[in-house]
Amino acid sequence: MRPVDPPRSIAPPNALRRRQVLATAAAVVVGTLGAPAVVRGQSGPKIRIGYWPIAAGLPFYAALEKGYFKEEGLNVEPLKFAGAQQVMEAMLSGRSDGSANGTGSGNLGVGEIASPGLYKIIATNPSNAKYVLDEFLVPKDSTVKSIAELKGKRIASGPGIQNKTLAIEVLERAGATGFTVVELPIGQHVASLAAGQVDAVYTLEPTGTVGRLNGTTRLLEAGVIAKYILGDPLAPWHGGSAALTTEFITKYPAETKKYIAAYAKGIALVRSKPDEARQYLKGYTAIDGALTAEVPLASYMLYNEFKPADVAAFQKFFDLFTDKGVFSKKLVVENLLYKG
């Protein structure tokens, strides 16, 4: 017969429950005090940032993947859109709190006219012949050697008023005539060239890299906006901007400063360790794996790094949109920059 265990002391149910509650509460307090900001900051606002899948958004992608936003205790939600126009429309409708780099500055300008004071620019991604973003591509076996030879051809541009306006303007200034420009999602550019649906595309990286590496397209000319619109192949074309809505900045000033600090770390990583940063194109653009090492990178400029010459180049770009009637009134770039 099995011996009977000696009786154990059993606490009354109420006492036991109190001990459990106190122990749990103590554990929470200790854990919270010792936790990093990412844990303590979960009660903050969700920051919804729109982007579209081009290489210029790299600092934003890197800041997400490296955890820079989380280190500041921020809850950032990336919102993917088919084009820059949709990013701007989301900001207008209140469905987004800002944009990542690569969002067309011209598209943002349209939003500013529709709703004055809509946003402030925290960073741009100037590009040119050295820091490549914009380019014209043709099929690999095309006989076309210059943009001027696209006379009478069917050309695709990215979606939205900025892409189409710039494509037409570059074609005209390069000497092409009789062409037709159609808007296509940027992810369709390589396939459209390969299928013979269009004769050339005005596009943005990583499209050129994708087409070159799969053997279907050839670079006709890069840095075309700096050359044909700004008049200098090495001029900074501030074609894309990262921004935050004024509503968010006003409502959450502390979170705004933290967000910009984290975003600045993403830019610093791209500048100092581009090879490391490139891997974060994966999942956000059409580039994957080892191919990320092939993508040319734009430059980046924070709001507090602008010099008078940079503002002047940005203003010249915006003045084109005023001259072409895209903007119903003149926009002053200086007034759109975040002041800190």
C-alpha atoms as a PDB file:
ATOM      1  CA  MET A   1       0.000   0.000   0.000  1.00  0.00           C
ATOM      2  CA  ARG A   2       1.387   3.402  -1.087  1.00  0.00           C
ATOM      3  CA  PRO A   3       2.295   5.611   1.887  1.00  0.00           C
ATOM      4  CA  VAL A   4       0.207   8.737   2.277  1.00  0.00           C
ATOM      5  CA  ASP A   5       2.026  12.016   1.642  1.00  0.00           C
ATOM      6  CA  PRO A   6       2.163  14.346   4.597  1.00  0.00           C
ATOM      7  CA  PRO A   7      -0.387  17.134   4.442  1.00  0.00           C
ATOM      8  CA  ARG A   8       0.745  20.374   2.738  1.00  0.00           C
ATOM      9  CA  SER A   9      -0.128  23.877   3.771  1.00  0.00           C
ATOM     10  CA  ILE A  10      -2.737  25.241   1.396  1.00  0.00           C
ATOM     11  CA  ALA A  11      -3.365  28.977   1.263  1.00  0.00           C
ATOM     12  CA  PRO A  12      -6.938  30.190   1.201  1.00  0.00           C
ATOM     13  CA  PRO A  13      -8.121  30.911  -2.358  1.00  0.00           C
ATOM     14  CA  ASN A  14      -8.322  34.675  -1.796  1.00  0.00           C
ATOM     15  CA  ALA A  15      -4.795  34.849  -0.414  1.00  0.00           C
ATOM     16  CA  LEU A  16      -3.446  32.797  -3.287  1.00  0.00           C
ATOM     17  CA  ARG A  17      -5.150  35.046  -5.790  1.00  0.00           C
ATOM     18  CA  ARG A  18      -3.666  38.140  -4.156  1.00  0.00           C
ATOM     19  CA  ARG A  19      -0.165  36.638  -4.299  1.00  0.00           C
ATOM     20  CA  GLN A  20      -0.545  35.862  -7.996  1.00  0.00           C
ATOM     21  CA  VAL A  21      -1.767  39.360  -8.825  1.00  0.00           C
ATOM     22  CA  LEU A  22       1.056  40.992  -6.859  1.00  0.00           C
ATOM     23  CA  ALA A  23       3.687  38.741  -8.462  1.00  0.00           C
ATOM     24  CA  THR A  24       2.369  39.465 -11.933  1.00  0.00           C
ATOM     25  CA  ALA A  25       2.266  43.207 -11.311  1.00  0.00           C
ATOM     26  CA  ALA A  26       5.827  43.196  -9.991  1.00  0.00           C
ATOM     27  CA  ALA A  27       7.041  41.313 -13.035  1.00  0.00           C
ATOM     28  CA  VAL A  28       5.380  43.811 -15.353  1.00  0.00           C
ATOM     29  CA  VAL A  29       6.897  46.783 -13.543  1.00  0.00           C
ATOM     30  CA  VAL A  30      10.391  45.302 -13.522  1.00  0.00           C
ATOM     31  CA  GLY A  31      10.116  44.195 -17.138  1.00  0.00           C
ATOM     32  CA  THR A  32       8.863  47.583 -18.304  1.00  0.00           C
ATOM     33  CA  LEU A  33      11.552  49.536 -16.473  1.00  0.00           C
ATOM     34  CA  GLY A  34      14.235  47.377 -17.992  1.00  0.00           C
ATOM     35  CA  ALA A  35      12.745  47.235 -21.497  1.00  0.00           C
ATOM     36  CA  PRO A  36      13.992  49.299 -24.429  1.00  0.00           C
ATOM     37  CA  ALA A  37      11.966  52.211 -25.836  1.00  0.00           C
ATOM     38  CA  VAL A  38      10.414  49.976 -28.478  1.00  0.00           C
ATOM     39  CA  VAL A  39       8.436  48.197 -25.747  1.00  0.00           C
ATOM     40  CA  ARG A  40       7.581  51.273 -23.711  1.00  0.00           C
ATOM     41  CA  GLY A  41       6.428  53.239 -26.758  1.00  0.00           C
ATOM     42  CA  GLN A  42       3.772  50.920 -28.123  1.00  0.00           C
ATOM     43  CA  SER A  43       0.989  53.246 -26.977  1.00  0.00           C
ATOM     44  CA  GLY A  44       2.090  56.000 -29.389  1.00  0.00           C
ATOM     45  CA  PRO A  45       0.293  56.858 -32.642  1.00  0.00           C
ATOM     46  CA  LYS A  46       0.511  54.616 -35.675  1.00  0.00           C
ATOM     47  CA  ILE A  47       2.492  56.535 -38.306  1.00  0.00           C
ATOM     48  CA  ARG A  48       1.244  55.583 -41.784  1.00  0.00           C
ATOM     49  CA  ILE A  49       3.795  56.320 -44.516  1.00  0.00           C
ATOM     50  CA  GLY A  50       3.081  55.864 -48.211  1.00  0.00           C
ATOM     51  CA  TYR A  51       5.683  54.639 -50.692  1.00  0.00           C
ATOM     52  CA  TRP A  52       5.825  53.154 -54.150  1.00  0.00           C
ATOM     53  CA  PRO A  53       8.291  50.442 -55.247  1.00  0.00           C
ATOM     54  CA  ILE A  54      11.277  52.382 -56.558  1.00  0.00           C
ATOM     55  CA  ALA A  55      14.890  52.417 -55.413  1.00  0.00           C
ATOM     56  CA  ALA A  56      14.780  56.014 -54.141  1.00  0.00           C
ATOM     57  CA  GLY A  57      12.782  54.926 -51.092  1.00  0.00           C
ATOM     58  CA  LEU A  58      15.805  53.032 -49.733  1.00  0.00           C
ATOM     59  CA  PRO A  59      16.379  55.129 -46.567  1.00  0.00           C
ATOM     60  CA  PHE A  60      12.800  54.430 -45.506  1.00  0.00           C
ATOM     61  CA  TYR A  61      13.106  50.717 -46.242  1.00  0.00           C
ATOM     62  CA  ALA A  62      16.410  50.566 -44.334  1.00  0.00           C
ATOM     63  CA  ALA A  63      15.020  52.449 -41.332  1.00  0.00           C
ATOM     64  CA  LEU A  64      12.168  49.951 -41.157  1.00  0.00           C
ATOM     65  CA  GLU A  65      14.305  46.839 -41.548  1.00  0.00           C
ATOM     66  CA  LYS A  66      17.134  48.009 -39.258  1.00  0.00           C
ATOM     67  CA  GLY A  67      14.636  48.881 -36.541  1.00  0.00           C
ATOM     68  CA  TYR A  68      15.521  52.574 -36.374  1.00  0.00           C
ATOM     69  CA  PHE A  69      11.891  53.607 -35.960  1.00  0.00           C
ATOM     70  CA  LYS A  70      11.317  50.983 -33.283  1.00  0.00           C
ATOM     71  CA  GLU A  71      14.401  52.177 -31.414  1.00  0.00           C
ATOM     72  CA  GLU A  72      12.666  55.540 -31.102  1.00  0.00           C
ATOM     73  CA  GLY A  73       9.529  53.841 -29.784  1.00  0.00           C
ATOM     74  CA  LEU A  74       7.589  54.545 -32.989  1.00  0.00           C
ATOM     75  CA  ASN A  75       4.963  52.391 -34.634  1.00  0.00           C
ATOM     76  CA  VAL A  76       5.473  53.002 -38.378  1.00  0.00           C
ATOM     77  CA  GLU A  77       3.220  51.311 -40.908  1.00  0.00           C
ATOM     78  CA  PRO A  78       4.444  51.265 -44.552  1.00  0.00           C
ATOM     79  CA  LEU A  79       1.663  51.672 -47.125  1.00  0.00           C
ATOM     80  CA  LYS A  80       2.517  50.489 -50.642  1.00  0.00           C
ATOM     81  CA  PHE A  81       0.935  52.267 -53.614  1.00  0.00           C
ATOM     82  CA  ALA A  82       1.132  51.804 -57.389  1.00  0.00           C
ATOM     83  CA  GLY A  83       2.375  55.344 -57.960  1.00  0.00           C
ATOM     84  CA  ALA A  84       3.319  58.649 -56.386  1.00  0.00           C
ATOM     85  CA  GLN A  85      -0.056  60.164 -57.206  1.00  0.00           C
ATOM     86  CA  GLN A  86      -1.764  57.590 -54.991  1.00  0.00           C
ATOM     87  CA  VAL A  87       0.672  58.381 -52.165  1.00  0.00           C
ATOM     88  CA  MET A  88      -0.276  62.046 -52.390  1.00  0.00           C
ATOM     89  CA  GLU A  89      -4.005  61.274 -52.566  1.00  0.00           C
ATOM     90  CA  ALA A  90      -3.731  59.183 -49.405  1.00  0.00           C
ATOM     91  CA  MET A  91      -2.183  62.152 -47.608  1.00  0.00           C
ATOM     92  CA  LEU A  92      -4.963  64.416 -48.888  1.00  0.00           C
ATOM     93  CA  SER A  93      -7.671  62.053 -47.679  1.00  0.00           C
ATOM     94  CA  GLY A  94      -6.089  61.552 -44.255  1.00  0.00           C
ATOM     95  CA  ARG A  95      -5.335  57.871 -44.898  1.00  0.00           C
ATOM     96  CA  SER A  96      -1.586  58.506 -44.671  1.00  0.00           C
ATOM     97  CA  ASP A  97       0.608  60.657 -42.445  1.00  0.00           C
ATOM     98  CA  GLY A  98       3.414  61.151 -44.920  1.00  0.00           C
ATOM     99  CA  SER A  99       5.494  59.932 -47.828  1.00  0.00           C
ATOM    100  CA  ALA A 100       8.791  58.126 -48.234  1.00  0.00           C
ATOM    101  CA  ASN A 101      11.581  59.283 -50.503  1.00  0.00           C
ATOM    102  CA  GLY A 102      10.839  58.607 -54.144  1.00  0.00           C
ATOM    103  CA  THR A 103       7.364  60.128 -53.967  1.00  0.00           C
ATOM    104  CA  GLY A 104       7.211  62.621 -56.830  1.00  0.00           C
ATOM    105  CA  SER A 105       7.782  66.166 -55.610  1.00  0.00           C
ATOM    106  CA  GLY A 106       5.536  67.369 -58.426  1.00  0.00           C
ATOM    107  CA  ASN A 107       2.761  65.085 -57.237  1.00  0.00           C
ATOM    108  CA  LEU A 108       3.171  66.484 -53.737  1.00  0.00           C
ATOM    109  CA  GLY A 109       3.017  69.964 -55.238  1.00  0.00           C
ATOM    110  CA  VAL A 110      -0.392  69.201 -56.724  1.00  0.00           C
ATOM    111  CA  GLY A 111      -1.511  68.097 -53.271  1.00  0.00           C
ATOM    112  CA  GLU A 112      -0.227  71.338 -51.742  1.00  0.00           C
ATOM    113  CA  ILE A 113      -2.278  73.388 -54.190  1.00  0.00           C
ATOM    114  CA  ALA A 114      -5.375  71.300 -53.487  1.00  0.00           C
ATOM    115  CA  SER A 115      -4.888  71.669 -49.730  1.00  0.00           C
ATOM    116  CA  PRO A 116      -2.506  74.538 -48.821  1.00  0.00           C
ATOM    117  CA  GLY A 117      -0.272  73.684 -45.883  1.00  0.00           C
ATOM    118  CA  LEU A 118      -0.817  69.952 -46.353  1.00  0.00           C
ATOM    119  CA  TYR A 119       2.737  68.811 -45.538  1.00  0.00           C
ATOM    120  CA  LYS A 120       6.357  69.686 -44.892  1.00  0.00           C
ATOM    121  CA  ILE A 121       9.296  68.085 -46.716  1.00  0.00           C
ATOM    122  CA  ILE A 122      11.832  66.432 -44.410  1.00  0.00           C
ATOM    123  CA  ALA A 123      14.188  65.039 -47.094  1.00  0.00           C
ATOM    124  CA  THR A 124      14.607  64.810 -50.859  1.00  0.00           C
ATOM    125  CA  ASN A 125      16.424  62.390 -53.151  1.00  0.00           C
ATOM    126  CA  PRO A 126      18.297  64.537 -55.684  1.00  0.00           C
ATOM    127  CA  SER A 127      19.454  62.615 -58.742  1.00  0.00           C
ATOM    128  CA  ASN A 128      21.445  63.342 -61.889  1.00  0.00           C
ATOM    129  CA  ALA A 129      23.900  61.633 -64.223  1.00  0.00           C
ATOM    130  CA  LYS A 130      26.019  60.563 -61.224  1.00  0.00           C
ATOM    131  CA  TYR A 131      23.294  59.622 -58.747  1.00  0.00           C
ATOM    132  CA  VAL A 132      20.984  57.820 -61.135  1.00  0.00           C
ATOM    133  CA  LEU A 133      17.241  57.511 -60.699  1.00  0.00           C
ATOM    134  CA  ASP A 134      15.574  58.718 -63.916  1.00  0.00           C
ATOM    135  CA  GLU A 135      16.313  57.196 -67.311  1.00  0.00           C
ATOM    136  CA  PHE A 136      15.111  56.344 -70.800  1.00  0.00           C
ATOM    137  CA  LEU A 137      15.222  52.676 -71.807  1.00  0.00           C
ATOM    138  CA  VAL A 138      14.738  50.926 -75.140  1.00  0.00           C
ATOM    139  CA  PRO A 139      14.564  47.229 -76.092  1.00  0.00           C
ATOM    140  CA  LYS A 140      17.974  45.573 -76.090  1.00  0.00           C
ATOM    141  CA  ASP A 141      18.085  45.199 -79.891  1.00  0.00           C
ATOM    142  CA  SER A 142      16.641  48.644 -80.678  1.00  0.00           C
ATOM    143  CA  THR A 143      18.566  50.682 -83.262  1.00  0.00           C
ATOM    144  CA  VAL A 144      17.706  53.943 -81.480  1.00  0.00           C
ATOM    145  CA  LYS A 145      20.850  55.703 -80.267  1.00  0.00           C
ATOM    146  CA  SER A 146      19.489  58.950 -78.806  1.00  0.00           C
ATOM    147  CA  ILE A 147      16.305  60.411 -77.377  1.00  0.00           C
ATOM    148  CA  ALA A 148      15.990  62.594 -80.483  1.00  0.00           C
ATOM    149  CA  GLU A 149      15.561  59.407 -82.528  1.00  0.00           C
ATOM    150  CA  LEU A 150      12.336  58.587 -80.687  1.00  0.00           C
ATOM    151  CA  LYS A 151      10.480  60.723 -83.223  1.00  0.00           C
ATOM    152  CA  GLY A 152       7.062  59.239 -83.957  1.00  0.00           C
ATOM    153  CA  LYS A 153       7.554  56.471 -81.371  1.00  0.00           C
ATOM    154  CA  ARG A 154       5.236  55.183 -78.658  1.00  0.00           C
ATOM    155  CA  ILE A 155       6.714  55.967 -75.252  1.00  0.00           C
ATOM    156  CA  ALA A 156       5.633  54.822 -71.802  1.00  0.00           C
ATOM    157  CA  SER A 157       6.092  56.833 -68.632  1.00  0.00           C
ATOM    158  CA  GLY A 158       5.357  56.019 -65.025  1.00  0.00           C
ATOM    159  CA  PRO A 159       1.867  56.853 -63.733  1.00  0.00           C
ATOM    160  CA  GLY A 160       0.958  60.329 -62.548  1.00  0.00           C
ATOM    161  CA  ILE A 161       1.251  63.905 -63.739  1.00  0.00           C
ATOM    162  CA  GLN A 162       4.936  64.315 -62.797  1.00  0.00           C
ATOM    163  CA  ASN A 163       6.165  61.349 -64.831  1.00  0.00           C
ATOM    164  CA  LYS A 164       4.132  62.127 -67.936  1.00  0.00           C
ATOM    165  CA  THR A 165       4.914  65.858 -67.889  1.00  0.00           C
ATOM    166  CA  LEU A 166       8.638  65.241 -67.549  1.00  0.00           C
ATOM    167  CA  ALA A 167       8.699  62.538 -70.225  1.00  0.00           C
ATOM    168  CA  ILE A 168       7.047  64.867 -72.742  1.00  0.00           C
ATOM    169  CA  GLU A 169       9.286  67.796 -71.825  1.00  0.00           C
ATOM    170  CA  VAL A 170      12.518  65.793 -72.108  1.00  0.00           C
ATOM    171  CA  LEU A 171      11.466  64.324 -75.464  1.00  0.00           C
ATOM    172  CA  GLU A 172      10.669  67.772 -76.832  1.00  0.00           C
ATOM    173  CA  ARG A 173      13.855  69.407 -75.534  1.00  0.00           C
ATOM    174  CA  ALA A 174      15.951  66.525 -76.893  1.00  0.00           C
ATOM    175  CA  GLY A 175      14.503  67.089 -80.356  1.00  0.00           C
ATOM    176  CA  ALA A 176      11.961  64.270 -80.681  1.00  0.00           C
ATOM    177  CA  THR A 177       8.620  65.024 -82.362  1.00  0.00           C
ATOM    178  CA  GLY A 178       5.408  63.202 -83.202  1.00  0.00           C
ATOM    179  CA  PHE A 179       5.703  60.806 -80.271  1.00  0.00           C
ATOM    180  CA  THR A 180       2.913  59.444 -78.055  1.00  0.00           C
ATOM    181  CA  VAL A 181       3.316  59.099 -74.283  1.00  0.00           C
ATOM    182  CA  VAL A 182       1.173  56.623 -72.344  1.00  0.00           C
ATOM    183  CA  GLU A 183       1.173  56.050 -68.588  1.00  0.00           C
ATOM    184  CA  LEU A 184       1.966  52.552 -67.337  1.00  0.00           C
ATOM    185  CA  PRO A 185       2.686  51.179 -63.852  1.00  0.00           C
ATOM    186  CA  ILE A 186       6.431  51.135 -63.426  1.00  0.00           C
ATOM    187  CA  GLY A 187       6.417  47.377 -62.820  1.00  0.00           C
ATOM    188  CA  GLN A 188       5.157  46.873 -66.383  1.00  0.00           C
ATOM    189  CA  HIS A 189       7.848  48.879 -68.167  1.00  0.00           C
ATOM    190  CA  VAL A 190      10.329  46.076 -68.836  1.00  0.00           C
ATOM    191  CA  ALA A 191       7.652  43.630 -69.947  1.00  0.00           C
ATOM    192  CA  SER A 192       6.093  46.235 -72.256  1.00  0.00           C
ATOM    193  CA  LEU A 193       9.437  46.871 -73.945  1.00  0.00           C
ATOM    194  CA  ALA A 194      10.141  43.156 -74.278  1.00  0.00           C
ATOM    195  CA  ALA A 195       6.701  42.540 -75.805  1.00  0.00           C
ATOM    196  CA  GLY A 196       7.074  45.382 -78.295  1.00  0.00           C
ATOM    197  CA  GLN A 197       4.085  47.265 -76.896  1.00  0.00           C
ATOM    198  CA  VAL A 198       6.163  50.447 -76.601  1.00  0.00           C
ATOM    199  CA  ASP A 199       9.374  51.624 -78.250  1.00  0.00           C
ATOM    200  CA  ALA A 200      10.913  53.255 -75.179  1.00  0.00           C
ATOM    201  CA  VAL A 201      10.126  54.131 -71.574  1.00  0.00           C
ATOM    202  CA  TYR A 202      10.853  57.062 -69.317  1.00  0.00           C
ATOM    203  CA  THR A 203      11.261  55.275 -66.002  1.00  0.00           C
ATOM    204  CA  LEU A 204      12.973  55.161 -62.624  1.00  0.00           C
ATOM    205  CA  GLU A 205      15.381  52.726 -61.031  1.00  0.00           C
ATOM    206  CA  PRO A 206      15.378  49.811 -60.377  1.00  0.00           C
ATOM    207  CA  THR A 207      13.606  49.344 -63.755  1.00  0.00           C
ATOM    208  CA  GLY A 208      16.772  49.816 -65.783  1.00  0.00           C
ATOM    209  CA  THR A 209      18.671  47.345 -63.624  1.00  0.00           C
ATOM    210  CA  VAL A 210      15.916  44.748 -63.914  1.00  0.00           C
ATOM    211  CA  GLY A 211      15.794  45.033 -67.701  1.00  0.00           C
ATOM    212  CA  ARG A 212      19.561  44.999 -68.144  1.00  0.00           C
ATOM    213  CA  LEU A 213      20.100  41.975 -65.946  1.00  0.00           C
ATOM    214  CA  ASN A 214      17.370  39.921 -67.583  1.00  0.00           C
ATOM    215  CA  GLY A 215      18.723  40.835 -71.006  1.00  0.00           C
ATOM    216  CA  THR A 216      15.654  42.588 -72.405  1.00  0.00           C
ATOM    217  CA  THR A 217      16.403  46.334 -72.248  1.00  0.00           C
ATOM    218  CA  ARG A 218      19.201  48.810 -72.869  1.00  0.00           C
ATOM    219  CA  LEU A 219      19.892  52.162 -71.232  1.00  0.00           C
ATOM    220  CA  LEU A 220      19.431  54.988 -73.714  1.00  0.00           C
ATOM    221  CA  GLU A 221      20.269  57.848 -71.341  1.00  0.00           C
ATOM    222  CA  ALA A 222      20.244  58.431 -67.573  1.00  0.00           C
ATOM    223  CA  GLY A 223      19.968  61.613 -65.533  1.00  0.00           C
ATOM    224  CA  VAL A 224      17.765  63.166 -68.188  1.00  0.00           C
ATOM    225  CA  ILE A 225      15.894  65.618 -65.952  1.00  0.00           C
ATOM    226  CA  ALA A 226      19.096  67.264 -64.716  1.00  0.00           C
ATOM    227  CA  LYS A 227      20.395  67.564 -68.282  1.00  0.00           C
ATOM    228  CA  TYR A 228      17.314  68.606 -70.235  1.00  0.00           C
ATOM    229  CA  ILE A 229      15.201  70.362 -67.593  1.00  0.00           C
ATOM    230  CA  LEU A 230      17.782  71.884 -65.237  1.00  0.00           C
ATOM    231  CA  GLY A 231      20.402  72.418 -67.933  1.00  0.00           C
ATOM    232  CA  ASP A 232      23.286  70.616 -66.211  1.00  0.00           C
ATOM    233  CA  PRO A 233      23.814  66.819 -66.144  1.00  0.00           C
ATOM    234  CA  LEU A 234      25.115  67.086 -62.569  1.00  0.00           C
ATOM    235  CA  ALA A 235      22.482  69.487 -61.225  1.00  0.00           C
ATOM    236  CA  PRO A 236      20.431  68.121 -58.311  1.00  0.00           C
ATOM    237  CA  TRP A 237      16.949  67.139 -59.485  1.00  0.00           C
ATOM    238  CA  HIS A 238      14.818  67.002 -56.341  1.00  0.00           C
ATOM    239  CA  GLY A 239      12.291  64.777 -58.038  1.00  0.00           C
ATOM    240  CA  GLY A 240      11.246  62.835 -54.953  1.00  0.00           C
ATOM    241  CA  SER A 241      10.532  63.871 -51.394  1.00  0.00           C
ATOM    242  CA  ALA A 242       9.874  62.392 -47.976  1.00  0.00           C
ATOM    243  CA  ALA A 243       7.258  64.393 -46.114  1.00  0.00           C
ATOM    244  CA  LEU A 244       5.002  64.448 -43.082  1.00  0.00           C
ATOM    245  CA  THR A 245       1.573  66.022 -43.012  1.00  0.00           C
ATOM    246  CA  THR A 246       1.279  69.282 -41.132  1.00  0.00           C
ATOM    247  CA  GLU A 247      -1.595  67.764 -39.179  1.00  0.00           C
ATOM    248  CA  PHE A 248       0.670  65.024 -37.858  1.00  0.00           C
ATOM    249  CA  ILE A 249       3.539  67.427 -37.136  1.00  0.00           C
ATOM    250  CA  THR A 250       1.215  69.729 -35.180  1.00  0.00           C
ATOM    251  CA  LYS A 251      -0.502  66.943 -33.261  1.00  0.00           C
ATOM    252  CA  TYR A 252       2.621  64.913 -32.484  1.00  0.00           C
ATOM    253  CA  PRO A 253       5.672  67.222 -32.289  1.00  0.00           C
ATOM    254  CA  ALA A 254       7.723  64.820 -30.149  1.00  0.00           C
ATOM    255  CA  GLU A 255       7.022  61.850 -32.415  1.00  0.00           C
ATOM    256  CA  THR A 256       7.824  64.013 -35.444  1.00  0.00           C
ATOM    257  CA  LYS A 257      11.331  64.724 -34.157  1.00  0.00           C
ATOM    258  CA  LYS A 258      11.857  61.044 -33.353  1.00  0.00           C
ATOM    259  CA  TYR A 259      10.629  60.000 -36.778  1.00  0.00           C
ATOM    260  CA  ILE A 260      12.975  62.427 -38.537  1.00  0.00           C
ATOM    261  CA  ALA A 261      15.892  61.289 -36.365  1.00  0.00           C
ATOM    262  CA  ALA A 262      15.231  57.650 -37.299  1.00  0.00           C
ATOM    263  CA  TYR A 263      14.775  58.549 -40.961  1.00  0.00           C
ATOM    264  CA  ALA A 264      18.084  60.442 -40.868  1.00  0.00           C
ATOM    265  CA  LYS A 265      19.766  57.260 -39.625  1.00  0.00           C
ATOM    266  CA  GLY A 266      18.395  55.472 -42.701  1.00  0.00           C
ATOM    267  CA  ILE A 267      19.914  58.145 -44.921  1.00  0.00           C
ATOM    268  CA  ALA A 268      23.215  57.924 -43.037  1.00  0.00           C
ATOM    269  CA  LEU A 269      23.317  54.173 -43.607  1.00  0.00           C
ATOM    270  CA  VAL A 270      22.778  54.587 -47.357  1.00  0.00           C
ATOM    271  CA  ARG A 271      25.524  57.203 -47.495  1.00  0.00           C
ATOM    272  CA  SER A 272      28.117  55.408 -45.375  1.00  0.00           C
ATOM    273  CA  LYS A 273      27.331  51.756 -46.090  1.00  0.00           C
ATOM    274  CA  PRO A 274      25.529  51.586 -49.443  1.00  0.00           C
ATOM    275  CA  ASP A 275      26.350  47.921 -49.960  1.00  0.00           C
ATOM    276  CA  GLU A 276      24.746  47.022 -46.643  1.00  0.00           C
ATOM    277  CA  ALA A 277      21.753  49.272 -47.287  1.00  0.00           C
ATOM    278  CA  ARG A 278      21.051  47.856 -50.750  1.00  0.00           C
ATOM    279  CA  GLN A 279      19.795  44.557 -49.342  1.00  0.00           C
ATOM    280  CA  TYR A 280      16.717  46.371 -48.026  1.00  0.00           C
ATOM    281  CA  LEU A 281      15.474  46.953 -51.569  1.00  0.00           C
ATOM    282  CA  LYS A 282      14.258  43.363 -51.315  1.00  0.00           C
ATOM    283  CA  GLY A 283      10.576  43.125 -50.631  1.00  0.00           C
ATOM    284  CA  TYR A 284       9.959  46.805 -51.373  1.00  0.00           C
ATOM    285  CA  THR A 285      11.020  46.876 -55.050  1.00  0.00           C
ATOM    286  CA  ALA A 286      11.297  44.427 -57.947  1.00  0.00           C
ATOM    287  CA  ILE A 287      14.966  43.799 -57.098  1.00  0.00           C
ATOM    288  CA  ASP A 288      15.844  40.704 -55.086  1.00  0.00           C
ATOM    289  CA  GLY A 289      18.836  38.737 -53.833  1.00  0.00           C
ATOM    290  CA  ALA A 290      22.262  39.393 -55.326  1.00  0.00           C
ATOM    291  CA  LEU A 291      20.725  41.754 -57.894  1.00  0.00           C
ATOM    292  CA  THR A 292      20.436  44.456 -55.217  1.00  0.00           C
ATOM    293  CA  ALA A 293      24.171  45.107 -55.573  1.00  0.00           C
ATOM    294  CA  GLU A 294      23.619  46.303 -59.151  1.00  0.00           C
ATOM    295  CA  VAL A 295      21.156  49.105 -58.513  1.00  0.00           C
ATOM    296  CA  PRO A 296      22.485  52.686 -58.800  1.00  0.00           C
ATOM    297  CA  LEU A 297      21.505  54.887 -55.879  1.00  0.00           C
ATOM    298  CA  ALA A 298      20.130  58.404 -55.737  1.00  0.00           C
ATOM    299  CA  SER A 299      21.575  60.966 -53.364  1.00  0.00           C
ATOM    300  CA  TYR A 300      19.697  62.218 -50.298  1.00  0.00           C
ATOM    301  CA  MET A 301      19.343  65.616 -48.670  1.00  0.00           C
ATOM    302  CA  LEU A 302      17.754  66.390 -45.307  1.00  0.00           C
ATOM    303  CA  TYR A 303      15.728  69.579 -44.855  1.00  0.00           C
ATOM    304  CA  ASN A 304      18.543  71.165 -42.810  1.00  0.00           C
ATOM    305  CA  GLU A 305      21.205  70.424 -45.443  1.00  0.00           C
ATOM    306  CA  PHE A 306      19.726  72.592 -48.192  1.00  0.00           C
ATOM    307  CA  LYS A 307      21.971  75.352 -49.528  1.00  0.00           C
ATOM    308  CA  PRO A 308      20.709  78.264 -51.659  1.00  0.00           C
ATOM    309  CA  ALA A 309      21.802  76.474 -54.845  1.00  0.00           C
ATOM    310  CA  ASP A 310      19.779  73.408 -53.873  1.00  0.00           C
ATOM    311  CA  VAL A 311      16.681  75.479 -53.208  1.00  0.00           C
ATOM    312  CA  ALA A 312      17.194  77.246 -56.554  1.00  0.00           C
ATOM    313  CA  ALA A 313      17.413  73.941 -58.448  1.00  0.00           C
ATOM    314  CA  PHE A 314      14.304  72.645 -56.700  1.00  0.00           C
ATOM    315  CA  GLN A 315      12.478  75.898 -57.491  1.00  0.00           C
ATOM    316  CA  LYS A 316      13.434  75.680 -61.179  1.00  0.00           C
ATOM    317  CA  PHE A 317      11.909  72.225 -61.315  1.00  0.00           C
ATOM    318  CA  PHE A 318       8.681  73.453 -59.694  1.00  0.00           C
ATOM    319  CA  ASP A 319       8.543  76.492 -61.972  1.00  0.00           C
ATOM    320  CA  LEU A 320       8.377  74.141 -64.970  1.00  0.00           C
ATOM    321  CA  PHE A 321       5.129  72.707 -63.585  1.00  0.00           C
ATOM    322  CA  THR A 322       3.760  76.219 -63.164  1.00  0.00           C
ATOM    323  CA  ASP A 323       4.747  77.134 -66.730  1.00  0.00           C
ATOM    324  CA  LYS A 324       3.096  73.972 -68.074  1.00  0.00           C
ATOM    325  CA  GLY A 325      -0.130  74.610 -66.180  1.00  0.00           C
ATOM    326  CA  VAL A 326       0.244  71.546 -63.983  1.00  0.00           C
ATOM    327  CA  PHE A 327       0.401  73.886 -60.980  1.00  0.00           C
ATOM    328  CA  SER A 328      -2.381  76.468 -60.980  1.00  0.00           C
ATOM    329  CA  LYS A 329      -0.165  78.824 -59.023  1.00  0.00           C
ATOM    330  CA  LYS A 330       3.490  79.263 -58.158  1.00  0.00           C
ATOM    331  CA  LEU A 331       4.754  77.213 -55.225  1.00  0.00           C
ATOM    332  CA  VAL A 332       7.682  78.509 -53.190  1.00  0.00           C
ATOM    333  CA  VAL A 333       9.937  75.586 -52.289  1.00  0.00           C
ATOM    334  CA  GLU A 334      11.393  77.346 -49.248  1.00  0.00           C
ATOM    335  CA  ASN A 335       7.939  77.424 -47.683  1.00  0.00           C
ATOM    336  CA  LEU A 336       7.488  73.665 -48.099  1.00  0.00           C
ATOM    337  CA  LEU A 337      10.618  72.610 -46.211  1.00  0.00           C
ATOM    338  CA  TYR A 338      10.341  71.467 -42.594  1.00  0.00           C
ATOM    339  CA  LYS A 339      11.889  74.030 -40.274  1.00  0.00           C
ATOM    340  CA  GLY A 340      12.579  71.859 -37.233  1.00  0.00           C
END
